[in-house]
Amino acid sequence: MTRTQIQLPDETFARAKKLCEAREISLAELARRGIEYILSVYAPEPEANREWQPPKPRNLGWKGLSHAEVKAEAQLTNTEIRLTRRKRK
């Protein structure tokens, strides 16, 4: 285990000490738990050697349309959408 020092604003330190007393844990344990939590929330850094890959497409739950039809609809321009609406009327 590595020892380290941190600097905290007085108000933060006082609040942390009160929490430690209430939970019956040390300030070091509170700091460890807080750091572990933050590290679990943020995604790990991508490996430097690994080539970037785009995310895999998700099924958006559109019922009745295939992936190709969803893609075709998404790629329509505003003009094409207006023309399609006029033809339907």
PDB file of N, CA and C in Angstrom:
ATOM      1  N   MET A   1       0.846  -1.172   0.000  1.00  0.00           N
ATOM      2  CA  MET A   1       0.000   0.000   0.000  1.00  0.00           C
ATOM      3  C   MET A   1       0.894   1.238   0.000  1.00  0.00           C
ATOM      4  N   THR A   2       0.463   2.252  -0.714  1.00  0.00           N
ATOM      5  CA  THR A   2       1.219   3.495  -0.822  1.00  0.00           C
ATOM      6  C   THR A   2       0.618   4.550   0.094  1.00  0.00           C
ATOM      7  N   ARG A   3       1.475   5.258   0.784  1.00  0.00           N
ATOM      8  CA  ARG A   3       1.025   6.375   1.619  1.00  0.00           C
ATOM      9  C   ARG A   3       1.055   7.645   0.779  1.00  0.00           C
ATOM     10  N   THR A   4       0.091   8.527   1.017  1.00  0.00           N
ATOM     11  CA  THR A   4       0.058   9.785   0.289  1.00  0.00           C
ATOM     12  C   THR A   4      -0.581  10.851   1.170  1.00  0.00           C
ATOM     13  N   GLN A   5      -0.437  12.085   0.756  1.00  0.00           N
ATOM     14  CA  GLN A   5      -1.057  13.206   1.471  1.00  0.00           C
ATOM     15  C   GLN A   5      -2.003  13.911   0.518  1.00  0.00           C
ATOM     16  N   ILE A   6      -3.107  14.423   1.073  1.00  0.00           N
ATOM     17  CA  ILE A   6      -4.038  15.212   0.276  1.00  0.00           C
ATOM     18  C   ILE A   6      -4.355  16.494   1.025  1.00  0.00           C
ATOM     19  N   GLN A   7      -4.784  17.495   0.290  1.00  0.00           N
ATOM     20  CA  GLN A   7      -5.195  18.759   0.892  1.00  0.00           C
ATOM     21  C   GLN A   7      -6.685  18.924   0.655  1.00  0.00           C
ATOM     22  N   LEU A   8      -7.418  19.227   1.730  1.00  0.00           N
ATOM     23  CA  LEU A   8      -8.860  19.406   1.657  1.00  0.00           C
ATOM     24  C   LEU A   8      -9.238  20.768   2.211  1.00  0.00           C
ATOM     25  N   PRO A   9     -10.254  21.404   1.635  1.00  0.00           N
ATOM     26  CA  PRO A   9     -10.774  22.624   2.244  1.00  0.00           C
ATOM     27  C   PRO A   9     -11.286  22.299   3.651  1.00  0.00           C
ATOM     28  N   ASP A  10     -11.224  23.260   4.558  1.00  0.00           N
ATOM     29  CA  ASP A  10     -11.614  23.039   5.951  1.00  0.00           C
ATOM     30  C   ASP A  10     -13.032  22.483   6.080  1.00  0.00           C
ATOM     31  N   GLU A  11     -13.977  23.025   5.322  1.00  0.00           N
ATOM     32  CA  GLU A  11     -15.367  22.569   5.402  1.00  0.00           C
ATOM     33  C   GLU A  11     -15.488  21.112   4.940  1.00  0.00           C
ATOM     34  N   THR A  12     -14.799  20.758   3.870  1.00  0.00           N
ATOM     35  CA  THR A  12     -14.834  19.381   3.370  1.00  0.00           C
ATOM     36  C   THR A  12     -14.239  18.422   4.396  1.00  0.00           C
ATOM     37  N   PHE A  13     -13.121  18.827   4.998  1.00  0.00           N
ATOM     38  CA  PHE A  13     -12.474  17.996   6.010  1.00  0.00           C
ATOM     39  C   PHE A  13     -13.409  17.777   7.203  1.00  0.00           C
ATOM     40  N   ALA A  14     -14.080  18.843   7.658  1.00  0.00           N
ATOM     41  CA  ALA A  14     -14.991  18.738   8.802  1.00  0.00           C
ATOM     42  C   ALA A  14     -16.162  17.806   8.483  1.00  0.00           C
ATOM     43  N   ARG A  15     -16.736  17.943   7.287  1.00  0.00           N
ATOM     44  CA  ARG A  15     -17.842  17.067   6.888  1.00  0.00           C
ATOM     45  C   ARG A  15     -17.380  15.622   6.790  1.00  0.00           C
ATOM     46  N   ALA A  16     -16.181  15.407   6.257  1.00  0.00           N
ATOM     47  CA  ALA A  16     -15.648  14.052   6.125  1.00  0.00           C
ATOM     48  C   ALA A  16     -15.418  13.424   7.500  1.00  0.00           C
ATOM     49  N   LYS A  17     -14.865  14.198   8.429  1.00  0.00           N
ATOM     50  CA  LYS A  17     -14.617  13.677   9.781  1.00  0.00           C
ATOM     51  C   LYS A  17     -15.930  13.289  10.469  1.00  0.00           C
ATOM     52  N   LYS A  18     -16.979  14.104  10.305  1.00  0.00           N
ATOM     53  CA  LYS A  18     -18.278  13.780  10.901  1.00  0.00           C
ATOM     54  C   LYS A  18     -18.828  12.477  10.314  1.00  0.00           C
ATOM     55  N   LEU A  19     -18.681  12.318   9.008  1.00  0.00           N
ATOM     56  CA  LEU A  19     -19.150  11.094   8.363  1.00  0.00           C
ATOM     57  C   LEU A  19     -18.360   9.882   8.862  1.00  0.00           C
ATOM     58  N   CYS A  20     -17.066  10.052   8.997  1.00  0.00           N
ATOM     59  CA  CYS A  20     -16.212   8.963   9.489  1.00  0.00           C
ATOM     60  C   CYS A  20     -16.625   8.553  10.902  1.00  0.00           C
ATOM     61  N   GLU A  21     -16.901   9.518  11.744  1.00  0.00           N
ATOM     62  CA  GLU A  21     -17.329   9.211  13.112  1.00  0.00           C
ATOM     63  C   GLU A  21     -18.673   8.487  13.105  1.00  0.00           C
ATOM     64  N   ALA A  22     -19.591   8.934  12.277  1.00  0.00           N
ATOM     65  CA  ALA A  22     -20.911   8.311  12.218  1.00  0.00           C
ATOM     66  C   ALA A  22     -20.829   6.884  11.687  1.00  0.00           C
ATOM     67  N   ARG A  23     -19.952   6.648  10.720  1.00  0.00           N
ATOM     68  CA  ARG A  23     -19.812   5.320  10.111  1.00  0.00           C
ATOM     69  C   ARG A  23     -18.763   4.454  10.801  1.00  0.00           C
ATOM     70  N   GLU A  24     -18.062   5.041  11.741  1.00  0.00           N
ATOM     71  CA  GLU A  24     -16.997   4.355  12.467  1.00  0.00           C
ATOM     72  C   GLU A  24     -15.928   3.791  11.518  1.00  0.00           C
ATOM     73  N   ILE A  25     -15.478   4.669  10.614  1.00  0.00           N
ATOM     74  CA  ILE A  25     -14.382   4.325   9.705  1.00  0.00           C
ATOM     75  C   ILE A  25     -13.343   5.425   9.768  1.00  0.00           C
ATOM     76  N   SER A  26     -12.144   5.122   9.307  1.00  0.00           N
ATOM     77  CA  SER A  26     -11.082   6.127   9.309  1.00  0.00           C
ATOM     78  C   SER A  26     -11.219   7.038   8.094  1.00  0.00           C
ATOM     79  N   LEU A  27     -10.574   8.181   8.181  1.00  0.00           N
ATOM     80  CA  LEU A  27     -10.552   9.103   7.043  1.00  0.00           C
ATOM     81  C   LEU A  27      -9.868   8.440   5.849  1.00  0.00           C
ATOM     82  N   ALA A  28      -8.838   7.645   6.096  1.00  0.00           N
ATOM     83  CA  ALA A  28      -8.148   6.929   5.014  1.00  0.00           C
ATOM     84  C   ALA A  28      -9.102   5.969   4.307  1.00  0.00           C
ATOM     85  N   GLU A  29      -9.926   5.267   5.092  1.00  0.00           N
ATOM     86  CA  GLU A  29     -10.885   4.324   4.492  1.00  0.00           C
ATOM     87  C   GLU A  29     -11.927   5.071   3.666  1.00  0.00           C
ATOM     88  N   LEU A  30     -12.389   6.213   4.172  1.00  0.00           N
ATOM     89  CA  LEU A  30     -13.335   7.031   3.415  1.00  0.00           C
ATOM     90  C   LEU A  30     -12.718   7.468   2.085  1.00  0.00           C
ATOM     91  N   ALA A  31     -11.477   7.910   2.125  1.00  0.00           N
ATOM     92  CA  ALA A  31     -10.789   8.341   0.900  1.00  0.00           C
ATOM     93  C   ALA A  31     -10.638   7.170  -0.070  1.00  0.00           C
ATOM     94  N   ARG A  32     -10.244   5.994   0.440  1.00  0.00           N
ATOM     95  CA  ARG A  32     -10.096   4.816  -0.432  1.00  0.00           C
ATOM     96  C   ARG A  32     -11.421   4.473  -1.098  1.00  0.00           C
ATOM     97  N   ARG A  33     -12.490   4.442  -0.296  1.00  0.00           N
ATOM     98  CA  ARG A  33     -13.802   4.101  -0.853  1.00  0.00           C
ATOM     99  C   ARG A  33     -14.250   5.123  -1.901  1.00  0.00           C
ATOM    100  N   GLY A  34     -13.997   6.393  -1.615  1.00  0.00           N
ATOM    101  CA  GLY A  34     -14.374   7.437  -2.574  1.00  0.00           C
ATOM    102  C   GLY A  34     -13.605   7.320  -3.877  1.00  0.00           C
ATOM    103  N   ILE A  35     -12.317   7.066  -3.784  1.00  0.00           N
ATOM    104  CA  ILE A  35     -11.498   6.924  -4.993  1.00  0.00           C
ATOM    105  C   ILE A  35     -11.918   5.685  -5.766  1.00  0.00           C
ATOM    106  N   GLU A  36     -12.166   4.570  -5.061  1.00  0.00           N
ATOM    107  CA  GLU A  36     -12.601   3.346  -5.740  1.00  0.00           C
ATOM    108  C   GLU A  36     -13.938   3.558  -6.448  1.00  0.00           C
ATOM    109  N   TYR A  37     -14.838   4.305  -5.817  1.00  0.00           N
ATOM    110  CA  TYR A  37     -16.131   4.575  -6.440  1.00  0.00           C
ATOM    111  C   TYR A  37     -15.958   5.389  -7.728  1.00  0.00           C
ATOM    112  N   ILE A  38     -15.187   6.457  -7.649  1.00  0.00           N
ATOM    113  CA  ILE A  38     -14.976   7.298  -8.836  1.00  0.00           C
ATOM    114  C   ILE A  38     -14.339   6.489  -9.958  1.00  0.00           C
ATOM    115  N   LEU A  39     -13.365   5.647  -9.626  1.00  0.00           N
ATOM    116  CA  LEU A  39     -12.723   4.823 -10.646  1.00  0.00           C
ATOM    117  C   LEU A  39     -13.688   3.821 -11.263  1.00  0.00           C
ATOM    118  N   SER A  40     -14.667   3.349 -10.495  1.00  0.00           N
ATOM    119  CA  SER A  40     -15.643   2.403 -11.042  1.00  0.00           C
ATOM    120  C   SER A  40     -16.663   3.097 -11.938  1.00  0.00           C
ATOM    121  N   VAL A  41     -16.925   4.375 -11.675  1.00  0.00           N
ATOM    122  CA  VAL A  41     -17.916   5.115 -12.464  1.00  0.00           C
ATOM    123  C   VAL A  41     -17.362   5.515 -13.826  1.00  0.00           C
ATOM    124  N   TYR A  42     -16.133   5.996 -13.844  1.00  0.00           N
ATOM    125  CA  TYR A  42     -15.539   6.441 -15.097  1.00  0.00           C
ATOM    126  C   TYR A  42     -14.995   5.256 -15.864  1.00  0.00           C
ATOM    127  N   ALA A  43     -15.219   5.264 -17.173  1.00  0.00           N
ATOM    128  CA  ALA A  43     -14.753   4.171 -18.021  1.00  0.00           C
ATOM    129  C   ALA A  43     -13.230   4.121 -18.020  1.00  0.00           C
ATOM    130  N   PRO A  44     -12.670   2.936 -18.095  1.00  0.00           N
ATOM    131  CA  PRO A  44     -11.209   2.838 -18.149  1.00  0.00           C
ATOM    132  C   PRO A  44     -10.663   3.472 -19.421  1.00  0.00           C
ATOM    133  N   GLU A  45      -9.450   3.954 -19.330  1.00  0.00           N
ATOM    134  CA  GLU A  45      -8.800   4.548 -20.497  1.00  0.00           C
ATOM    135  C   GLU A  45      -8.562   3.470 -21.551  1.00  0.00           C
ATOM    136  N   PRO A  46      -8.814   3.768 -22.831  1.00  0.00           N
ATOM    137  CA  PRO A  46      -8.539   2.770 -23.859  1.00  0.00           C
ATOM    138  C   PRO A  46      -7.039   2.514 -23.962  1.00  0.00           C
ATOM    139  N   GLU A  47      -6.721   1.295 -24.310  1.00  0.00           N
ATOM    140  CA  GLU A  47      -5.310   0.948 -24.439  1.00  0.00           C
ATOM    141  C   GLU A  47      -4.701   1.731 -25.597  1.00  0.00           C
ATOM    142  N   ALA A  48      -3.491   2.210 -25.416  1.00  0.00           N
ATOM    143  CA  ALA A  48      -2.831   3.047 -26.422  1.00  0.00           C
ATOM    144  C   ALA A  48      -2.571   2.276 -27.719  1.00  0.00           C
ATOM    145  N   ASN A  49      -2.288   0.993 -27.631  1.00  0.00           N
ATOM    146  CA  ASN A  49      -1.930   0.211 -28.821  1.00  0.00           C
ATOM    147  C   ASN A  49      -3.165  -0.216 -29.608  1.00  0.00           C
ATOM    148  N   ARG A  50      -4.306  -0.271 -28.942  1.00  0.00           N
ATOM    149  CA  ARG A  50      -5.498  -0.787 -29.584  1.00  0.00           C
ATOM    150  C   ARG A  50      -6.072   0.215 -30.571  1.00  0.00           C
ATOM    151  N   GLU A  51      -6.461  -0.278 -31.732  1.00  0.00           N
ATOM    152  CA  GLU A  51      -7.066   0.574 -32.747  1.00  0.00           C
ATOM    153  C   GLU A  51      -8.507   0.874 -32.357  1.00  0.00           C
ATOM    154  N   TRP A  52      -8.946   2.113 -32.544  1.00  0.00           N
ATOM    155  CA  TRP A  52     -10.298   2.513 -32.194  1.00  0.00           C
ATOM    156  C   TRP A  52     -11.297   1.817 -33.096  1.00  0.00           C
ATOM    157  N   GLN A  53     -12.382   1.349 -32.516  1.00  0.00           N
ATOM    158  CA  GLN A  53     -13.475   0.725 -33.254  1.00  0.00           C
ATOM    159  C   GLN A  53     -14.756   1.499 -32.946  1.00  0.00           C
ATOM    160  N   PRO A  54     -15.556   1.779 -33.962  1.00  0.00           N
ATOM    161  CA  PRO A  54     -16.820   2.458 -33.675  1.00  0.00           C
ATOM    162  C   PRO A  54     -17.729   1.539 -32.871  1.00  0.00           C
ATOM    163  N   PRO A  55     -18.640   2.099 -32.101  1.00  0.00           N
ATOM    164  CA  PRO A  55     -19.546   1.249 -31.327  1.00  0.00           C
ATOM    165  C   PRO A  55     -20.433   0.431 -32.246  1.00  0.00           C
ATOM    166  N   LYS A  56     -20.831  -0.744 -31.778  1.00  0.00           N
ATOM    167  CA  LYS A  56     -21.708  -1.607 -32.567  1.00  0.00           C
ATOM    168  C   LYS A  56     -23.111  -1.014 -32.563  1.00  0.00           C
ATOM    169  N   PRO A  57     -23.816  -1.108 -33.691  1.00  0.00           N
ATOM    170  CA  PRO A  57     -25.163  -0.556 -33.744  1.00  0.00           C
ATOM    171  C   PRO A  57     -26.099  -1.297 -32.791  1.00  0.00           C
ATOM    172  N   ARG A  58     -27.019  -0.545 -32.214  1.00  0.00           N
ATOM    173  CA  ARG A  58     -27.982  -1.136 -31.296  1.00  0.00           C
ATOM    174  C   ARG A  58     -29.336  -1.251 -31.986  1.00  0.00           C
ATOM    175  N   ASN A  59     -30.120  -2.199 -31.558  1.00  0.00           N
ATOM    176  CA  ASN A  59     -31.489  -2.304 -32.042  1.00  0.00           C
ATOM    177  C   ASN A  59     -32.295  -1.250 -31.303  1.00  0.00           C
ATOM    178  N   LEU A  60     -32.810  -0.271 -32.027  1.00  0.00           N
ATOM    179  CA  LEU A  60     -33.492   0.851 -31.404  1.00  0.00           C
ATOM    180  C   LEU A  60     -34.944   0.553 -31.063  1.00  0.00           C
ATOM    181  N   GLY A  61     -35.389  -0.672 -31.365  1.00  0.00           N
ATOM    182  CA  GLY A  61     -36.731  -1.049 -30.977  1.00  0.00           C
ATOM    183  C   GLY A  61     -37.812  -0.561 -31.926  1.00  0.00           C
ATOM    184  N   TRP A  62     -37.474  -0.233 -33.147  1.00  0.00           N
ATOM    185  CA  TRP A  62     -38.469   0.220 -34.117  1.00  0.00           C
ATOM    186  C   TRP A  62     -39.174  -1.014 -34.651  1.00  0.00           C
ATOM    187  N   LYS A  63     -40.409  -1.177 -34.334  1.00  0.00           N
ATOM    188  CA  LYS A  63     -41.141  -2.366 -34.754  1.00  0.00           C
ATOM    189  C   LYS A  63     -41.621  -2.187 -36.187  1.00  0.00           C
ATOM    190  N   GLY A  64     -41.481  -3.243 -36.943  1.00  0.00           N
ATOM    191  CA  GLY A  64     -41.976  -3.225 -38.312  1.00  0.00           C
ATOM    192  C   GLY A  64     -40.971  -2.733 -39.340  1.00  0.00           C
ATOM    193  N   LEU A  65     -39.813  -2.221 -38.925  1.00  0.00           N
ATOM    194  CA  LEU A  65     -38.801  -1.766 -39.873  1.00  0.00           C
ATOM    195  C   LEU A  65     -37.535  -2.593 -39.698  1.00  0.00           C
ATOM    196  N   SER A  66     -36.947  -2.977 -40.813  1.00  0.00           N
ATOM    197  CA  SER A  66     -35.665  -3.678 -40.752  1.00  0.00           C
ATOM    198  C   SER A  66     -34.563  -2.647 -40.514  1.00  0.00           C
ATOM    199  N   HIS A  67     -33.375  -3.124 -40.209  1.00  0.00           N
ATOM    200  CA  HIS A  67     -32.254  -2.206 -40.011  1.00  0.00           C
ATOM    201  C   HIS A  67     -31.984  -1.399 -41.279  1.00  0.00           C
ATOM    202  N   ALA A  68     -32.119  -2.024 -42.439  1.00  0.00           N
ATOM    203  CA  ALA A  68     -31.888  -1.324 -43.713  1.00  0.00           C
ATOM    204  C   ALA A  68     -32.926  -0.218 -43.916  1.00  0.00           C
ATOM    205  N   GLU A  69     -34.197  -0.498 -43.539  1.00  0.00           N
ATOM    206  CA  GLU A  69     -35.243   0.511 -43.687  1.00  0.00           C
ATOM    207  C   GLU A  69     -35.039   1.683 -42.715  1.00  0.00           C
ATOM    208  N   VAL A  70     -34.621   1.384 -41.503  1.00  0.00           N
ATOM    209  CA  VAL A  70     -34.330   2.439 -40.538  1.00  0.00           C
ATOM    210  C   VAL A  70     -33.199   3.312 -41.054  1.00  0.00           C
ATOM    211  N   LYS A  71     -32.143   2.686 -41.575  1.00  0.00           N
ATOM    212  CA  LYS A  71     -31.007   3.427 -42.118  1.00  0.00           C
ATOM    213  C   LYS A  71     -31.443   4.305 -43.285  1.00  0.00           C
ATOM    214  N   ALA A  72     -32.263   3.749 -44.183  1.00  0.00           N
ATOM    215  CA  ALA A  72     -32.731   4.520 -45.343  1.00  0.00           C
ATOM    216  C   ALA A  72     -33.543   5.732 -44.892  1.00  0.00           C
ATOM    217  N   GLU A  73     -34.426   5.558 -43.901  1.00  0.00           N
ATOM    218  CA  GLU A  73     -35.223   6.671 -43.383  1.00  0.00           C
ATOM    219  C   GLU A  73     -34.343   7.732 -42.732  1.00  0.00           C
ATOM    220  N   ALA A  74     -33.322   7.291 -42.012  1.00  0.00           N
ATOM    221  CA  ALA A  74     -32.448   8.228 -41.310  1.00  0.00           C
ATOM    222  C   ALA A  74     -31.626   9.061 -42.279  1.00  0.00           C
ATOM    223  N   GLN A  75     -31.394   8.554 -43.471  1.00  0.00           N
ATOM    224  CA  GLN A  75     -30.546   9.258 -44.425  1.00  0.00           C
ATOM    225  C   GLN A  75     -31.319  10.174 -45.365  1.00  0.00           C
ATOM    226  N   LEU A  76     -32.632  10.244 -45.198  1.00  0.00           N
ATOM    227  CA  LEU A  76     -33.434  11.134 -46.044  1.00  0.00           C
ATOM    228  C   LEU A  76     -33.134  12.591 -45.708  1.00  0.00           C
ATOM    229  N   THR A  77     -33.113  13.425 -46.725  1.00  0.00           N
ATOM    230  CA  THR A  77     -32.930  14.859 -46.511  1.00  0.00           C
ATOM    231  C   THR A  77     -34.292  15.494 -46.218  1.00  0.00           C
ATOM    232  N   ASN A  78     -34.298  16.727 -45.760  1.00  0.00           N
ATOM    233  CA  ASN A  78     -35.558  17.431 -45.476  1.00  0.00           C
ATOM    234  C   ASN A  78     -36.409  17.558 -46.730  1.00  0.00           C
ATOM    235  N   THR A  79     -35.778  17.815 -47.855  1.00  0.00           N
ATOM    236  CA  THR A  79     -36.513  17.944 -49.117  1.00  0.00           C
ATOM    237  C   THR A  79     -37.184  16.628 -49.468  1.00  0.00           C
ATOM    238  N   GLU A  80     -36.453  15.520 -49.337  1.00  0.00           N
ATOM    239  CA  GLU A  80     -37.020  14.203 -49.644  1.00  0.00           C
ATOM    240  C   GLU A  80     -38.183  13.878 -48.705  1.00  0.00           C
ATOM    241  N   ILE A  81     -38.086  14.280 -47.458  1.00  0.00           N
ATOM    242  CA  ILE A  81     -39.163  14.024 -46.497  1.00  0.00           C
ATOM    243  C   ILE A  81     -40.403  14.810 -46.891  1.00  0.00           C
ATOM    244  N   ARG A  82     -40.217  16.096 -47.261  1.00  0.00           N
ATOM    245  CA  ARG A  82     -41.356  16.915 -47.679  1.00  0.00           C
ATOM    246  C   ARG A  82     -42.019  16.347 -48.928  1.00  0.00           C
ATOM    247  N   LEU A  83     -41.234  15.899 -49.903  1.00  0.00           N
ATOM    248  CA  LEU A  83     -41.793  15.320 -51.129  1.00  0.00           C
ATOM    249  C   LEU A  83     -42.567  14.042 -50.820  1.00  0.00           C
ATOM    250  N   THR A  84     -42.057  13.227 -49.924  1.00  0.00           N
ATOM    251  CA  THR A  84     -42.732  11.989 -49.541  1.00  0.00           C
ATOM    252  C   THR A  84     -44.063  12.290 -48.870  1.00  0.00           C
ATOM    253  N   ARG A  85     -44.110  13.313 -48.022  1.00  0.00           N
ATOM    254  CA  ARG A  85     -45.348  13.686 -47.341  1.00  0.00           C
ATOM    255  C   ARG A  85     -46.389  14.185 -48.346  1.00  0.00           C
ATOM    256  N   ARG A  86     -45.939  14.964 -49.353  1.00  0.00           N
ATOM    257  CA  ARG A  86     -46.874  15.484 -50.368  1.00  0.00           C
ATOM    258  C   ARG A  86     -47.480  14.350 -51.189  1.00  0.00           C
ATOM    259  N   LYS A  87     -46.661  13.326 -51.476  1.00  0.00           N
ATOM    260  CA  LYS A  87     -47.178  12.202 -52.273  1.00  0.00           C
ATOM    261  C   LYS A  87     -48.222  11.417 -51.504  1.00  0.00           C
ATOM    262  N   ARG A  88     -48.081  11.352 -50.178  1.00  0.00           N
ATOM    263  CA  ARG A  88     -49.032  10.589 -49.345  1.00  0.00           C
ATOM    264  C   ARG A  88     -50.381  11.276 -49.264  1.00  0.00           C
ATOM    265  N   LYS A  89     -50.436  12.619 -49.395  1.00  0.00           N
ATOM    266  CA  LYS A  89     -51.697  13.370 -49.256  1.00  0.00           C
ATOM    267  C   LYS A  89     -52.551  13.260 -50.459  1.00  0.00           C
TER     268      LYS A  89
END
